[in-house]
C-alpha atoms as a PDB file:
ATOM      1  CA  MET A   1     152.697-148.070 -34.509  1.00  0.00           C
ATOM      2  CA  LYS A   2     155.804-150.208 -34.128  1.00  0.00           C
ATOM      3  CA  LYS A   3     158.752-148.828 -32.193  1.00  0.00           C
ATOM      4  CA  ALA A   4     162.336-149.495 -33.178  1.00  0.00           C
ATOM      5  CA  LEU A   5     165.614-148.636 -31.484  1.00  0.00           C
ATOM      6  CA  ILE A   6     168.769-148.314 -33.548  1.00  0.00           C
ATOM      7  CA  THR A   7     172.197-148.182 -31.942  1.00  0.00           C
ATOM      8  CA  GLY A   8     174.803-146.609 -34.178  1.00  0.00           C
ATOM      9  CA  ALA A   9     171.910-144.601 -35.576  1.00  0.00           C
ATOM     10  CA  THR A  10     174.009-141.790 -37.012  1.00  0.00           C
ATOM     11  CA  GLY A  11     176.380-144.000 -38.976  1.00  0.00           C
ATOM     12  CA  GLN A  12     176.068-145.098 -42.572  1.00  0.00           C
ATOM     13  CA  ASP A  13     173.784-148.085 -41.968  1.00  0.00           C
ATOM     14  CA  GLY A  14     171.943-146.529 -39.050  1.00  0.00           C
ATOM     15  CA  SER A  15     170.955-143.395 -40.929  1.00  0.00           C
ATOM     16  CA  TYR A  16     169.666-145.311 -43.937  1.00  0.00           C
ATOM     17  CA  LEU A  17     167.826-147.772 -41.704  1.00  0.00           C
ATOM     18  CA  SER A  18     166.253-144.855 -39.839  1.00  0.00           C
ATOM     19  CA  GLU A  19     164.867-143.449 -43.092  1.00  0.00           C
ATOM     20  CA  PHE A  20     163.690-146.879 -44.214  1.00  0.00           C
ATOM     21  CA  LEU A  21     161.796-147.575 -40.986  1.00  0.00           C
ATOM     22  CA  LEU A  22     160.261-144.111 -40.906  1.00  0.00           C
ATOM     23  CA  ASN A  23     158.897-144.747 -44.391  1.00  0.00           C
ATOM     24  CA  LYS A  24     157.457-148.006 -43.062  1.00  0.00           C
ATOM     25  CA  GLY A  25     155.532-146.063 -40.423  1.00  0.00           C
ATOM     26  CA  TYR A  26     157.720-146.894 -37.430  1.00  0.00           C
ATOM     27  CA  LYS A  27     158.442-144.662 -34.478  1.00  0.00           C
ATOM     28  CA  VAL A  28     162.225-144.638 -34.612  1.00  0.00           C
ATOM     29  CA  TYR A  29     164.612-144.010 -31.726  1.00  0.00           C
ATOM     30  CA  GLY A  30     168.317-143.598 -32.312  1.00  0.00           C
ATOM     31  CA  LEU A  31     171.073-144.012 -29.736  1.00  0.00           C
ATOM     32  CA  ILE A  32     173.875-141.446 -29.951  1.00  0.00           C
ATOM     33  CA  PRO A  33     177.127-141.904 -28.013  1.00  0.00           C
ATOM     34  CA  ILE A  34     177.693-139.043 -25.601  1.00  0.00           C
ATOM     35  CA  ARG A  35     181.202-138.555 -27.025  1.00  0.00           C
ATOM     36  CA  ASN A  36     179.846-137.820 -30.511  1.00  0.00           C
ATOM     37  CA  ILE A  37     179.813-134.065 -31.109  1.00  0.00           C
ATOM     38  CA  GLN A  38     179.123-133.920 -34.825  1.00  0.00           C
ATOM     39  CA  VAL A  39     176.531-136.438 -35.968  1.00  0.00           C
ATOM     40  CA  ARG A  40     174.277-137.043 -38.967  1.00  0.00           C
ATOM     41  CA  THR A  41     170.670-136.794 -37.857  1.00  0.00           C
ATOM     42  CA  ILE A  42     167.527-137.797 -39.724  1.00  0.00           C
ATOM     43  CA  PRO A  43     164.327-135.723 -39.336  1.00  0.00           C
ATOM     44  CA  GLY A  44     161.640-137.699 -37.532  1.00  0.00           C
ATOM     45  CA  VAL A  45     164.000-139.787 -35.414  1.00  0.00           C
ATOM     46  CA  GLU A  46     163.988-139.316 -31.639  1.00  0.00           C
ATOM     47  CA  TYR A  47     167.612-139.398 -30.537  1.00  0.00           C
ATOM     48  CA  ILE A  48     168.774-140.513 -27.108  1.00  0.00           C
ATOM     49  CA  TYR A  49     172.248-140.031 -25.699  1.00  0.00           C
ATOM     50  CA  GLY A  50     173.750-143.151 -24.221  1.00  0.00           C
ATOM     51  CA  ASP A  51     176.625-145.598 -24.292  1.00  0.00           C
ATOM     52  CA  ILE A  52     176.174-149.298 -25.023  1.00  0.00           C
ATOM     53  CA  CYS A  53     179.327-149.954 -22.990  1.00  0.00           C
ATOM     54  CA  ASP A  54     177.457-148.713 -19.900  1.00  0.00           C
ATOM     55  CA  SER A  55     174.400-150.830 -19.210  1.00  0.00           C
ATOM     56  CA  HIS A  56     173.021-148.200 -16.808  1.00  0.00           C
ATOM     57  CA  SER A  57     172.718-145.700 -19.660  1.00  0.00           C
ATOM     58  CA  LEU A  58     170.426-148.158 -21.451  1.00  0.00           C
ATOM     59  CA  SER A  59     167.813-148.075 -18.705  1.00  0.00           C
ATOM     60  CA  PHE A  60     165.675-145.839 -20.933  1.00  0.00           C
ATOM     61  CA  MET A  61     164.609-149.076 -22.630  1.00  0.00           C
ATOM     62  CA  GLY A  62     162.267-149.539 -19.724  1.00  0.00           C
ATOM     63  CA  ASP A  63     160.415-146.353 -20.665  1.00  0.00           C
ATOM     64  CA  GLU A  64     159.571-147.566 -24.156  1.00  0.00           C
ATOM     65  CA  GLU A  65     158.484-151.035 -25.187  1.00  0.00           C
ATOM     66  CA  PHE A  66     160.507-151.504 -28.350  1.00  0.00           C
ATOM     67  CA  ASP A  67     159.245-153.997 -30.890  1.00  0.00           C
ATOM     68  CA  GLU A  68     162.577-154.188 -32.682  1.00  0.00           C
ATOM     69  CA  VAL A  69     166.165-153.356 -31.747  1.00  0.00           C
ATOM     70  CA  TYR A  70     168.911-153.060 -34.343  1.00  0.00           C
ATOM     71  CA  ASN A  71     172.376-153.171 -32.809  1.00  0.00           C
ATOM     72  CA  LEU A  72     174.520-151.489 -35.451  1.00  0.00           C
ATOM     73  CA  ALA A  73     176.917-149.701 -33.107  1.00  0.00           C
ATOM     74  CA  ALA A  74     180.481-150.934 -33.525  1.00  0.00           C
ATOM     75  CA  GLN A  75     184.135-150.020 -33.390  1.00  0.00           C
ATOM     76  CA  ALA A  76     184.896-150.853 -37.000  1.00  0.00           C
ATOM     77  CA  TRP A  77     187.546-148.385 -38.178  1.00  0.00           C
ATOM     78  CA  PRO A  78     190.211-150.764 -39.569  1.00  0.00           C
ATOM     79  CA  THR A  79     193.252-149.048 -38.066  1.00  0.00           C
ATOM     80  CA  GLY A  80     191.548-148.179 -34.788  1.00  0.00           C
ATOM     81  CA  THR A  81     190.392-151.719 -34.058  1.00  0.00           C
ATOM     82  CA  ASN A  82     194.018-152.906 -34.081  1.00  0.00           C
ATOM     83  CA  GLN A  83     195.452-149.940 -32.208  1.00  0.00           C
ATOM     84  CA  ILE A  84     192.939-150.058 -29.358  1.00  0.00           C
ATOM     85  CA  PRO A  85     191.840-153.713 -29.132  1.00  0.00           C
ATOM     86  CA  SER A  86     190.464-153.413 -25.594  1.00  0.00           C
ATOM     87  CA  TYR A  87     188.057-150.675 -26.673  1.00  0.00           C
ATOM     88  CA  THR A  88     187.107-152.717 -29.727  1.00  0.00           C
ATOM     89  CA  PHE A  89     186.064-155.601 -27.462  1.00  0.00           C
ATOM     90  CA  GLN A  90     184.319-153.227 -25.076  1.00  0.00           C
ATOM     91  CA  VAL A  91     182.074-151.876 -27.841  1.00  0.00           C
ATOM     92  CA  ASN A  92     181.660-154.849 -30.148  1.00  0.00           C
ATOM     93  CA  THR A  93     181.283-157.572 -27.536  1.00  0.00           C
ATOM     94  CA  ILE A  94     180.388-156.145 -24.111  1.00  0.00           C
ATOM     95  CA  GLY A  95     178.336-153.360 -25.660  1.00  0.00           C
ATOM     96  CA  ALA A  96     176.386-155.792 -27.795  1.00  0.00           C
ATOM     97  CA  ILE A  97     175.711-158.052 -24.809  1.00  0.00           C
ATOM     98  CA  ASN A  98     174.498-155.040 -22.814  1.00  0.00           C
ATOM     99  CA  VAL A  99     172.031-154.182 -25.573  1.00  0.00           C
ATOM    100  CA  PHE A 100     170.770-157.769 -25.781  1.00  0.00           C
ATOM    101  CA  LEU A 101     170.238-158.207 -22.059  1.00  0.00           C
ATOM    102  CA  GLU A 102     168.697-154.795 -21.428  1.00  0.00           C
ATOM    103  CA  ALA A 103     166.293-155.159 -24.346  1.00  0.00           C
ATOM    104  CA  PHE A 104     165.083-158.605 -23.257  1.00  0.00           C
ATOM    105  CA  ALA A 105     164.880-157.522 -19.608  1.00  0.00           C
ATOM    106  CA  TYR A 106     162.216-154.956 -20.463  1.00  0.00           C
ATOM    107  CA  ASN A 107     160.388-156.812 -23.232  1.00  0.00           C
ATOM    108  CA  THR A 108     160.715-160.574 -23.651  1.00  0.00           C
ATOM    109  CA  ASN A 109     158.975-160.337 -27.032  1.00  0.00           C
ATOM    110  CA  VAL A 110     161.402-157.851 -28.556  1.00  0.00           C
ATOM    111  CA  ARG A 111     163.118-158.829 -31.797  1.00  0.00           C
ATOM    112  CA  ILE A 112     166.831-158.037 -32.058  1.00  0.00           C
ATOM    113  CA  PHE A 113     169.058-157.712 -35.097  1.00  0.00           C
ATOM    114  CA  GLN A 114     172.774-158.038 -34.409  1.00  0.00           C
ATOM    115  CA  ALA A 115     175.065-156.641 -37.098  1.00  0.00           C
ATOM    116  CA  SER A 116     177.562-159.438 -37.428  1.00  0.00           C
ATOM    117  CA  SER A 117     180.333-159.549 -40.022  1.00  0.00           C
ATOM    118  CA  VAL A 118     181.690-161.859 -42.678  1.00  0.00           C
ATOM    119  CA  MET A 119     185.015-161.335 -40.904  1.00  0.00           C
ATOM    120  CA  ILE A 120     183.944-163.813 -38.207  1.00  0.00           C
ATOM    121  CA  ASN A 121     184.762-166.574 -40.676  1.00  0.00           C
ATOM    122  CA  LYS A 122     188.437-165.680 -40.250  1.00  0.00           C
ATOM    123  CA  PRO A 123     188.775-164.357 -36.682  1.00  0.00           C
ATOM    124  CA  ASP A 124     192.369-163.150 -36.806  1.00  0.00           C
ATOM    125  CA  THR A 125     191.912-159.487 -35.823  1.00  0.00           C
ATOM    126  CA  PRO A 126     190.470-157.786 -32.722  1.00  0.00           C
ATOM    127  CA  TYR A 127     187.478-156.670 -34.802  1.00  0.00           C
ATOM    128  CA  ALA A 128     186.721-160.148 -36.143  1.00  0.00           C
ATOM    129  CA  ILE A 129     187.158-161.851 -32.768  1.00  0.00           C
ATOM    130  CA  SER A 130     185.005-159.301 -30.949  1.00  0.00           C
ATOM    131  CA  LYS A 131     182.269-159.634 -33.563  1.00  0.00           C
ATOM    132  CA  LYS A 132     182.397-163.429 -33.398  1.00  0.00           C
ATOM    133  CA  ALA A 133     182.001-163.323 -29.617  1.00  0.00           C
ATOM    134  CA  ALA A 134     178.871-161.170 -29.886  1.00  0.00           C
ATOM    135  CA  HIS A 135     177.579-163.403 -32.673  1.00  0.00           C
ATOM    136  CA  ASN A 136     178.022-166.507 -30.529  1.00  0.00           C
ATOM    137  CA  TYR A 137     176.380-164.925 -27.510  1.00  0.00           C
ATOM    138  CA  ALA A 138     173.363-164.131 -29.666  1.00  0.00           C
ATOM    139  CA  LEU A 139     173.162-167.848 -30.461  1.00  0.00           C
ATOM    140  CA  ILE A 140     173.175-168.644 -26.726  1.00  0.00           C
ATOM    141  CA  LEU A 141     170.265-166.284 -26.120  1.00  0.00           C
ATOM    142  CA  ARG A 142     168.358-167.743 -29.043  1.00  0.00           C
ATOM    143  CA  LYS A 143     168.643-171.214 -27.516  1.00  0.00           C
ATOM    144  CA  GLU A 144     167.098-169.728 -24.380  1.00  0.00           C
ATOM    145  CA  GLY A 145     164.058-168.636 -26.390  1.00  0.00           C
ATOM    146  CA  CYS A 146     164.967-165.066 -27.339  1.00  0.00           C
ATOM    147  CA  TYR A 147     164.190-163.743 -30.800  1.00  0.00           C
ATOM    148  CA  ILE A 148     167.602-162.589 -31.992  1.00  0.00           C
ATOM    149  CA  CYS A 149     169.128-162.750 -35.461  1.00  0.00           C
ATOM    150  CA  ASN A 150     172.659-162.308 -36.727  1.00  0.00           C
ATOM    151  CA  GLY A 151     172.971-160.504 -40.027  1.00  0.00           C
ATOM    152  CA  ILE A 152     176.396-161.491 -41.374  1.00  0.00           C
ATOM    153  CA  LEU A 153     177.294-158.377 -43.337  1.00  0.00           C
ATOM    154  CA  SER A 154     179.726-158.427 -46.214  1.00  0.00           C
ATOM    155  CA  ASN A 155     181.558-155.314 -47.403  1.00  0.00           C
ATOM    156  CA  HIS A 156     179.217-152.482 -48.330  1.00  0.00           C
ATOM    157  CA  THR A 157     179.475-148.777 -48.912  1.00  0.00           C
ATOM    158  CA  SER A 158     177.430-145.692 -49.810  1.00  0.00           C
ATOM    159  CA  PRO A 159     177.714-141.914 -50.187  1.00  0.00           C
ATOM    160  CA  ARG A 160     177.480-141.734 -46.378  1.00  0.00           C
ATOM    161  CA  GLN A 161     180.380-144.021 -45.567  1.00  0.00           C
ATOM    162  CA  SER A 162     183.249-142.519 -43.594  1.00  0.00           C
ATOM    163  CA  LYS A 163     186.232-141.318 -45.606  1.00  0.00           C
ATOM    164  CA  LEU A 164     188.345-143.697 -43.506  1.00  0.00           C
ATOM    165  CA  TYR A 165     187.250-146.634 -45.659  1.00  0.00           C
ATOM    166  CA  LEU A 166     188.555-147.892 -48.981  1.00  0.00           C
ATOM    167  CA  VAL A 167     185.899-146.949 -51.529  1.00  0.00           C
ATOM    168  CA  PRO A 168     185.409-143.388 -50.239  1.00  0.00           C
ATOM    169  CA  LYS A 169     189.193-143.018 -50.320  1.00  0.00           C
ATOM    170  CA  ILE A 170     189.226-144.128 -53.959  1.00  0.00           C
ATOM    171  CA  VAL A 171     186.506-141.609 -54.808  1.00  0.00           C
ATOM    172  CA  ALA A 172     188.490-138.902 -53.008  1.00  0.00           C
ATOM    173  CA  GLY A 173     191.627-139.873 -54.929  1.00  0.00           C
ATOM    174  CA  THR A 174     193.711-140.631 -51.858  1.00  0.00           C
ATOM    175  CA  VAL A 175     194.462-144.303 -52.557  1.00  0.00           C
ATOM    176  CA  THR A 176     197.821-145.269 -54.035  1.00  0.00           C
ATOM    177  CA  GLY A 177     199.787-148.466 -54.547  1.00  0.00           C
ATOM    178  CA  ASP A 178     198.828-151.806 -56.024  1.00  0.00           C
ATOM    179  CA  LEU A 179     195.039-151.990 -56.360  1.00  0.00           C
ATOM    180  CA  ASN A 180     194.935-155.218 -58.320  1.00  0.00           C
ATOM    181  CA  PHE A 181     192.779-157.181 -55.891  1.00  0.00           C
ATOM    182  CA  GLU A 182     189.116-158.060 -55.572  1.00  0.00           C
ATOM    183  CA  ILE A 183     186.575-156.849 -53.039  1.00  0.00           C
ATOM    184  CA  GLU A 184     182.878-157.346 -52.596  1.00  0.00           C
ATOM    185  CA  ILE A 185     180.969-154.106 -52.730  1.00  0.00           C
ATOM    186  CA  GLY A 186     177.306-153.896 -51.788  1.00  0.00           C
ATOM    187  CA  ASP A 187     175.225-150.804 -51.111  1.00  0.00           C
ATOM    188  CA  ALA A 188     174.141-149.915 -47.575  1.00  0.00           C
ATOM    189  CA  ARG A 189     170.729-148.833 -48.887  1.00  0.00           C
ATOM    190  CA  ASP A 190     170.096-152.399 -50.024  1.00  0.00           C
ATOM    191  CA  TYR A 191     171.509-153.940 -46.870  1.00  0.00           C
ATOM    192  CA  VAL A 192     169.243-152.087 -44.440  1.00  0.00           C
ATOM    193  CA  LYS A 193     166.200-153.474 -46.249  1.00  0.00           C
ATOM    194  CA  ALA A 194     167.582-156.948 -45.613  1.00  0.00           C
ATOM    195  CA  MET A 195     168.029-156.130 -41.909  1.00  0.00           C
ATOM    196  CA  TRP A 196     164.364-155.235 -41.587  1.00  0.00           C
ATOM    197  CA  LEU A 197     163.189-158.224 -43.606  1.00  0.00           C
ATOM    198  CA  ILE A 198     165.156-160.599 -41.365  1.00  0.00           C
ATOM    199  CA  LEU A 199     163.205-159.476 -38.285  1.00  0.00           C
ATOM    200  CA  GLN A 200     159.854-159.981 -40.009  1.00  0.00           C
ATOM    201  CA  GLN A 201     160.191-163.781 -40.124  1.00  0.00           C
ATOM    202  CA  ASP A 202     158.304-166.117 -37.798  1.00  0.00           C
ATOM    203  CA  LYS A 203     161.454-167.702 -36.393  1.00  0.00           C
ATOM    204  CA  PRO A 204     164.855-166.122 -35.700  1.00  0.00           C
ATOM    205  CA  ASP A 205     167.806-167.259 -37.780  1.00  0.00           C
ATOM    206  CA  ASP A 206     171.175-166.101 -39.112  1.00  0.00           C
ATOM    207  CA  TYR A 207     171.508-164.677 -42.609  1.00  0.00           C
ATOM    208  CA  CYS A 208     174.399-163.697 -44.852  1.00  0.00           C
ATOM    209  CA  ILE A 209     173.747-160.267 -46.331  1.00  0.00           C
ATOM    210  CA  THR A 210     175.804-160.238 -49.500  1.00  0.00           C
ATOM    211  CA  VAL A 211     175.541-159.339 -53.178  1.00  0.00           C
ATOM    212  CA  ASN A 212     177.766-162.346 -53.846  1.00  0.00           C
ATOM    213  CA  GLN A 213     179.922-160.628 -56.458  1.00  0.00           C
ATOM    214  CA  THR A 214     183.331-159.004 -56.421  1.00  0.00           C
ATOM    215  CA  VAL A 215     185.021-156.232 -58.383  1.00  0.00           C
ATOM    216  CA  ASN A 216     188.657-155.384 -58.981  1.00  0.00           C
ATOM    217  CA  VAL A 217     189.694-152.335 -56.952  1.00  0.00           C
ATOM    218  CA  GLN A 218     191.738-150.928 -59.833  1.00  0.00           C
ATOM    219  CA  GLU A 219     188.584-151.138 -61.946  1.00  0.00           C
ATOM    220  CA  ILE A 220     186.761-149.024 -59.360  1.00  0.00           C
ATOM    221  CA  LYS A 221     189.527-146.417 -59.467  1.00  0.00           C
ATOM    222  CA  ASN A 222     189.492-146.347 -63.266  1.00  0.00           C
ATOM    223  CA  TYR A 223     185.731-145.851 -63.229  1.00  0.00           C
ATOM    224  CA  VAL A 224     186.021-142.980 -60.748  1.00  0.00           C
ATOM    225  CA  ILE A 225     188.659-141.229 -62.903  1.00  0.00           C
ATOM    226  CA  GLU A 226     186.535-141.714 -66.023  1.00  0.00           C
ATOM    227  CA  GLN A 227     183.381-140.339 -64.415  1.00  0.00           C
ATOM    228  CA  ILE A 228     185.104-137.367 -62.807  1.00  0.00           C
ATOM    229  CA  THR A 229     186.779-136.475 -66.106  1.00  0.00           C
ATOM    230  CA  LYS A 230     183.458-136.713 -67.921  1.00  0.00           C
ATOM    231  CA  TYR A 231     181.722-134.677 -65.234  1.00  0.00           C
ATOM    232  CA  LYS A 232     184.299-131.910 -65.415  1.00  0.00           C
ATOM    233  CA  VAL A 233     183.889-131.745 -69.191  1.00  0.00           C
ATOM    234  CA  LEU A 234     180.107-131.603 -68.985  1.00  0.00           C
ATOM    235  CA  TYR A 235     180.002-129.305 -65.975  1.00  0.00           C
ATOM    236  CA  PRO A 236     183.003-126.963 -65.966  1.00  0.00           C
ATOM    237  CA  ASN A 237     181.323-124.868 -63.274  1.00  0.00           C
ATOM    238  CA  LEU A 238     181.497-127.741 -60.785  1.00  0.00           C
ATOM    239  CA  LYS A 239     182.545-125.477 -57.894  1.00  0.00           C
ATOM    240  CA  LEU A 240     179.438-123.368 -58.389  1.00  0.00           C
ATOM    241  CA  PHE A 241     177.221-126.459 -58.521  1.00  0.00           C
ATOM    242  CA  LYS A 242     178.569-127.493 -55.131  1.00  0.00           C
ATOM    243  CA  LEU A 243     177.157-124.252 -53.731  1.00  0.00           C
ATOM    244  CA  GLY A 244     173.702-125.458 -54.715  1.00  0.00           C
ATOM    245  CA  TRP A 245     173.323-123.432 -57.895  1.00  0.00           C
ATOM    246  CA  LYS A 246     171.894-125.096 -60.988  1.00  0.00           C
ATOM    247  CA  PRO A 247     170.622-123.380 -64.149  1.00  0.00           C
ATOM    248  CA  GLN A 248     166.833-123.465 -64.358  1.00  0.00           C
ATOM    249  CA  TYR A 249     166.413-122.569 -68.005  1.00  0.00           C
ATOM    250  CA  ARG A 250     167.571-124.484 -71.070  1.00  0.00           C
ATOM    251  CA  TRP A 251     168.423-122.517 -74.215  1.00  0.00           C
ATOM    252  CA  ASN A 252     165.103-123.345 -75.864  1.00  0.00           C
ATOM    253  CA  ASP A 253     163.245-122.080 -72.782  1.00  0.00           C
ATOM    254  CA  THR A 254     165.097-118.808 -73.027  1.00  0.00           C
ATOM    255  CA  VAL A 255     164.429-118.411 -76.751  1.00  0.00           C
ATOM    256  CA  TYR A 256     160.763-119.277 -76.300  1.00  0.00           C
ATOM    257  CA  ASP A 257     160.376-116.617 -73.622  1.00  0.00           C
ATOM    258  CA  MET A 258     162.038-114.155 -75.953  1.00  0.00           C
ATOM    259  CA  ILE A 259     159.549-115.048 -78.698  1.00  0.00           C
ATOM    260  CA  ILE A 260     156.463-114.458 -76.568  1.00  0.00           C
ATOM    261  CA  ALA A 261     157.801-111.401 -74.772  1.00  0.00           C
END
């Protein structure tokens, strides 16, 4: 049975990747930051508390010989990365390097996926610069013979994405202002499959994970309004549905039971 370690295991991508690997028959370990109190956990995953910014807390890697390591942990909150740039670099650059070096120290045959970002193509923010630094260090290790791949992720979302990001905000109805601009929007459930596939190749390489299509943000908002309006018409008891209640019997079921009673 293959063993995989996922940092950032309770986030959007990490949780979906955990489920994907479990379905593939992996033994999955997930790293949880000690500071995280409320986290999304996936049944079947063995969670370990640790901090990628502290290399000593990654010493548990010596207890398990991981076949694959997916470094998905990142400081990515748009506002936060600008407000606390030093922490952004600590997590996205130093933390990533810690994961790389600790993993290879305990198993020279381990395969590592580094979650890079399309933002590295325009490194003009703390987030982009920190991600580019980690990306480049992965290239250095690859030249030294390590199996490490950069997955250059474009914008993606899912029902599990934090409400701090654009698309969840649109769905929640909290976005205002001019929305007449284009964004790329992939689905995290598709992207995690690509992450796994990248590490199954004979030789390490870098890959752009993208759906290669954009959509107007105002169009997304219009779609959300349309669907919510339709849903409210079809299901006026929406509040009750949210409690987990759904009718079991259709009218013809009821009438049939009345006939045979």
